[in-house]
C-alpha atoms as a PDB file:
ATOM      1  CA  MET A   1     109.207  80.565  97.360  1.00  0.00           C
ATOM      2  CA  GLY A   2     109.774  79.971  93.673  1.00  0.00           C
ATOM      3  CA  PRO A   3     113.046  80.037  91.794  1.00  0.00           C
ATOM      4  CA  ILE A   4     114.670  83.412  91.355  1.00  0.00           C
ATOM      5  CA  THR A   5     116.624  84.102  88.207  1.00  0.00           C
ATOM      6  CA  LYS A   6     118.908  86.974  87.449  1.00  0.00           C
ATOM      7  CA  VAL A   7     118.446  89.025  84.306  1.00  0.00           C
ATOM      8  CA  ASP A   8     121.199  88.893  81.675  1.00  0.00           C
ATOM      9  CA  PRO A   9     123.767  91.575  82.627  1.00  0.00           C
ATOM     10  CA  SER A  10     124.645  92.398  79.016  1.00  0.00           C
ATOM     11  CA  PRO A  11     123.001  95.606  77.823  1.00  0.00           C
ATOM     12  CA  PRO A  12     120.076  95.427  75.401  1.00  0.00           C
ATOM     13  CA  ALA A  13     120.966  95.743  71.708  1.00  0.00           C
ATOM     14  CA  PRO A  14     120.010  99.450  71.271  1.00  0.00           C
ATOM     15  CA  ILE A  15     121.984 100.436  74.354  1.00  0.00           C
ATOM     16  CA  ALA A  16     124.960  98.292  73.356  1.00  0.00           C
ATOM     17  CA  ARG A  17     124.900  99.823  69.886  1.00  0.00           C
ATOM     18  CA  ALA A  18     124.704 103.361  71.291  1.00  0.00           C
ATOM     19  CA  VAL A  19     127.567 102.638  73.674  1.00  0.00           C
ATOM     20  CA  ALA A  20     129.597 101.113  70.847  1.00  0.00           C
ATOM     21  CA  ILE A  21     128.938 104.082  68.588  1.00  0.00           C
ATOM     22  CA  GLY A  22     129.881 106.492  71.324  1.00  0.00           C
ATOM     23  CA  THR A  23     133.005 104.659  72.466  1.00  0.00           C
ATOM     24  CA  THR A  24     134.456 103.487  69.144  1.00  0.00           C
ATOM     25  CA  SER A  25     133.479 106.323  66.858  1.00  0.00           C
ATOM     26  CA  SER A  26     136.426 108.285  65.600  1.00  0.00           C
ATOM     27  CA  SER A  27     134.388 110.645  63.491  1.00  0.00           C
ATOM     28  CA  PRO A  28     135.789 114.177  63.154  1.00  0.00           C
ATOM     29  CA  ASN A  29     132.300 115.454  64.078  1.00  0.00           C
ATOM     30  CA  ARG A  30     132.406 113.684  67.461  1.00  0.00           C
ATOM     31  CA  PRO A  31     132.935 116.281  70.193  1.00  0.00           C
ATOM     32  CA  SER A  32     135.802 116.071  72.571  1.00  0.00           C
ATOM     33  CA  ALA A  33     135.368 115.098  76.222  1.00  0.00           C
ATOM     34  CA  GLY A  34     135.150 118.780  77.166  1.00  0.00           C
ATOM     35  CA  CYS A  35     132.264 119.545  74.806  1.00  0.00           C
ATOM     36  CA  ASP A  36     129.983 120.582  77.666  1.00  0.00           C
ATOM     37  CA  ARG A  37     132.548 123.209  78.735  1.00  0.00           C
ATOM     38  CA  SER A  38     133.274 124.716  75.325  1.00  0.00           C
ATOM     39  CA  PRO A  39     131.191 125.240  72.199  1.00  0.00           C
ATOM     40  CA  CYS A  40     130.777 122.019  70.214  1.00  0.00           C
ATOM     41  CA  ARG A  41     131.750 121.803  66.583  1.00  0.00           C
ATOM     42  CA  SER A  42     128.361 120.381  65.543  1.00  0.00           C
ATOM     43  CA  ALA A  43     124.938 119.589  66.892  1.00  0.00           C
ATOM     44  CA  ARG A  44     125.311 116.014  65.591  1.00  0.00           C
ATOM     45  CA  GLY A  45     128.362 115.428  67.741  1.00  0.00           C
ATOM     46  CA  TRP A  46     126.675 116.875  70.792  1.00  0.00           C
ATOM     47  CA  LEU A  47     123.658 114.642  70.179  1.00  0.00           C
ATOM     48  CA  PHE A  48     125.881 111.532  69.951  1.00  0.00           C
ATOM     49  CA  THR A  49     127.538 112.467  73.242  1.00  0.00           C
ATOM     50  CA  VAL A  50     124.206 112.935  74.987  1.00  0.00           C
ATOM     51  CA  ALA A  51     122.860 109.638  73.573  1.00  0.00           C
ATOM     52  CA  GLU A  52     126.036 107.851  74.637  1.00  0.00           C
ATOM     53  CA  ARG A  53     125.834 109.148  78.203  1.00  0.00           C
ATOM     54  CA  ILE A  54     122.138 108.284  78.489  1.00  0.00           C
ATOM     55  CA  ALA A  55     122.780 104.770  77.192  1.00  0.00           C
ATOM     56  CA  ILE A  56     125.665 104.254  79.607  1.00  0.00           C
ATOM     57  CA  ASP A  57     123.574 105.529  82.524  1.00  0.00           C
ATOM     58  CA  GLN A  58     120.728 103.184  81.638  1.00  0.00           C
ATOM     59  CA  TRP A  59     123.061 100.233  81.278  1.00  0.00           C
ATOM     60  CA  ARG A  60     124.717 100.975  84.622  1.00  0.00           C
ATOM     61  CA  ALA A  61     121.337 101.398  86.332  1.00  0.00           C
ATOM     62  CA  ALA A  62     120.124  98.082  84.905  1.00  0.00           C
ATOM     63  CA  ASN A  63     123.223  96.321  86.227  1.00  0.00           C
ATOM     64  CA  ARG A  64     122.931  98.038  89.587  1.00  0.00           C
ATOM     65  CA  ARG A  65     119.294  97.033  90.147  1.00  0.00           C
ATOM     66  CA  PRO A  66     118.711  93.765  88.278  1.00  0.00           C
ATOM     67  CA  GLU A  67     115.153  92.625  87.801  1.00  0.00           C
ATOM     68  CA  LEU A  68     114.204  89.567  89.824  1.00  0.00           C
ATOM     69  CA  VAL A  69     111.887  87.103  88.136  1.00  0.00           C
ATOM     70  CA  THR A  70     109.796  84.801  90.308  1.00  0.00           C
ATOM     71  CA  ASP A  71     106.738  82.629  89.933  1.00  0.00           C
ATOM     72  CA  MET A  72     105.204  83.971  93.149  1.00  0.00           C
ATOM     73  CA  VAL A  73     102.375  86.502  92.840  1.00  0.00           C
ATOM     74  CA  PRO A  74     102.799  89.559  95.083  1.00  0.00           C
ATOM     75  CA  GLU A  75     100.400  89.894  97.981  1.00  0.00           C
ATOM     76  CA  ARG A  76      97.183  91.736  97.303  1.00  0.00           C
ATOM     77  CA  ALA A  77      96.283  94.831  99.233  1.00  0.00           C
ATOM     78  CA  VAL A  78      93.682  94.311 101.926  1.00  0.00           C
ATOM     79  CA  ASP A  79      90.428  96.179 101.364  1.00  0.00           C
ATOM     80  CA  ASP A  80      89.724  98.797 103.968  1.00  0.00           C
ATOM     81  CA  ALA A  81      86.189  98.383 105.312  1.00  0.00           C
ATOM     82  CA  THR A  82      86.291 101.791 107.012  1.00  0.00           C
ATOM     83  CA  GLU A  83      85.534 103.708 103.829  1.00  0.00           C
ATOM     84  CA  GLN A  84      82.656 101.366 102.993  1.00  0.00           C
ATOM     85  CA  ALA A  85      81.206 101.853 106.488  1.00  0.00           C
ATOM     86  CA  VAL A  86      81.391 105.636 106.161  1.00  0.00           C
ATOM     87  CA  ASP A  87      79.738 105.518 102.718  1.00  0.00           C
ATOM     88  CA  ARG A  88      77.031 103.169 103.990  1.00  0.00           C
ATOM     89  CA  ASN A  89      76.286 105.494 106.907  1.00  0.00           C
ATOM     90  CA  LEU A  90      76.160 108.492 104.553  1.00  0.00           C
ATOM     91  CA  VAL A  91      73.691 106.791 102.199  1.00  0.00           C
ATOM     92  CA  LEU A  92      71.476 105.563 105.043  1.00  0.00           C
ATOM     93  CA  THR A  93      71.359 109.044 106.532  1.00  0.00           C
ATOM     94  CA  ALA A  94      70.537 110.524 103.125  1.00  0.00           C
ATOM     95  CA  LEU A  95      67.821 107.902 102.518  1.00  0.00           C
ATOM     96  CA  ARG A  96      66.125 108.876 105.781  1.00  0.00           C
ATOM     97  CA  THR A  97      65.626 112.397 104.409  1.00  0.00           C
ATOM     98  CA  LEU A  98      63.588 111.115 101.431  1.00  0.00           C
ATOM     99  CA  SER A  99      59.823 110.745 101.437  1.00  0.00           C
ATOM    100  CA  THR A 100      58.322 107.299 101.919  1.00  0.00           C
ATOM    101  CA  ASP A 101      57.233 107.077  98.266  1.00  0.00           C
ATOM    102  CA  HIS A 102      60.713 107.931  97.031  1.00  0.00           C
ATOM    103  CA  ARG A 103      62.332 105.388  99.362  1.00  0.00           C
ATOM    104  CA  ARG A 104      59.930 102.646  98.280  1.00  0.00           C
ATOM    105  CA  VAL A 105      60.618 103.331  94.571  1.00  0.00           C
ATOM    106  CA  LEU A 106      64.397 103.283  95.106  1.00  0.00           C
ATOM    107  CA  PHE A 107      64.101 100.087  97.140  1.00  0.00           C
ATOM    108  CA  GLU A 108      62.124  98.351  94.395  1.00  0.00           C
ATOM    109  CA  CYS A 109      64.220  99.539  91.451  1.00  0.00           C
ATOM    110  CA  TYR A 110      67.740  99.541  92.874  1.00  0.00           C
ATOM    111  CA  PHE A 111      67.868  97.249  95.888  1.00  0.00           C
ATOM    112  CA  ARG A 112      65.503  94.570  94.611  1.00  0.00           C
ATOM    113  CA  GLY A 113      66.511  95.093  90.964  1.00  0.00           C
ATOM    114  CA  ALA A 114      62.921  95.207  89.717  1.00  0.00           C
ATOM    115  CA  SER A 115      62.101  96.668  86.312  1.00  0.00           C
ATOM    116  CA  VAL A 116      59.893  99.733  86.012  1.00  0.00           C
ATOM    117  CA  ALA A 117      56.893  97.542  85.128  1.00  0.00           C
ATOM    118  CA  GLU A 118      57.512  95.186  88.077  1.00  0.00           C
ATOM    119  CA  ALA A 119      57.934  98.105  90.492  1.00  0.00           C
ATOM    120  CA  ALA A 120      54.725  99.701  89.163  1.00  0.00           C
ATOM    121  CA  GLU A 121      52.820  96.455  89.711  1.00  0.00           C
ATOM    122  CA  THR A 122      54.252  95.968  93.225  1.00  0.00           C
ATOM    123  CA  LEU A 123      53.557  99.541  94.317  1.00  0.00           C
ATOM    124  CA  GLY A 124      50.223  99.807  92.475  1.00  0.00           C
ATOM    125  CA  VAL A 125      51.060 102.976  90.506  1.00  0.00           C
ATOM    126  CA  PRO A 126      51.521 103.682  86.773  1.00  0.00           C
ATOM    127  CA  THR A 127      54.937 103.152  85.155  1.00  0.00           C
ATOM    128  CA  GLY A 128      55.289 106.881  84.414  1.00  0.00           C
ATOM    129  CA  THR A 129      54.936 107.594  88.138  1.00  0.00           C
ATOM    130  CA  ILE A 130      57.713 105.102  88.893  1.00  0.00           C
ATOM    131  CA  LYS A 131      59.975 106.825  86.365  1.00  0.00           C
ATOM    132  CA  SER A 132      59.350 110.318  87.714  1.00  0.00           C
ATOM    133  CA  ARG A 133      59.631 109.244  91.366  1.00  0.00           C
ATOM    134  CA  THR A 134      62.898 107.487  90.589  1.00  0.00           C
ATOM    135  CA  HIS A 135      64.233 110.624  88.914  1.00  0.00           C
ATOM    136  CA  TYR A 136      63.253 112.930  91.758  1.00  0.00           C
ATOM    137  CA  ALA A 137      64.337 110.450  94.433  1.00  0.00           C
ATOM    138  CA  LEU A 138      67.813 110.144  92.929  1.00  0.00           C
ATOM    139  CA  ARG A 139      68.075 113.916  92.614  1.00  0.00           C
ATOM    140  CA  ALA A 140      67.063 114.355  96.264  1.00  0.00           C
ATOM    141  CA  LEU A 141      69.472 111.589  97.326  1.00  0.00           C
ATOM    142  CA  ARG A 142      72.327 113.312  95.472  1.00  0.00           C
ATOM    143  CA  ARG A 143      71.542 116.616  97.172  1.00  0.00           C
ATOM    144  CA  ALA A 144      71.369 114.941 100.576  1.00  0.00           C
ATOM    145  CA  THR A 145      74.745 113.218 100.104  1.00  0.00           C
ATOM    146  CA  ASP A 146      76.306 116.454  98.800  1.00  0.00           C
ATOM    147  CA  ASP A 147      75.105 118.288 101.896  1.00  0.00           C
ATOM    148  CA  ARG A 148      76.664 115.665 104.189  1.00  0.00           C
ATOM    149  CA  GLY A 149      79.940 115.078 102.338  1.00  0.00           C
ATOM    150  CA  SER A 150      79.431 113.521  98.931  1.00  0.00           C
ATOM    151  CA  ILE A 151      80.563 110.089  97.810  1.00  0.00           C
ATOM    152  CA  PRO A 152      82.899 110.575  94.838  1.00  0.00           C
END
């Protein structure tokens, strides 16, 4: 395991400044400690009090849970093969509902990665037929998967 370093416990500059403003300000507009119980003299004073309390809370939280820095990469999540198996079964079942021509076109274009011209030459049909069969085959495949529980 790599070296672990502790983050600097001093508050960041904006928080330190807000805390300093809130704790050392002696402005007549600054509300008293009981401002939340009685009407404040000004909105500015109320805003300073709220900012001060937020800054103090953030500073305390940062000191309470310091960030640990390490050179070790966290473990990666393991892929779940169950979902892939279910999707594979769904697609195979949906492919079985297609006609032979539609399956052959999808096999050539998507599984083999052939272009429209290459698929047309392999199957011995015009390129326009490949395009239309691909369109209708994909539409039928989508309907078949929707009927059985679609893949998102």
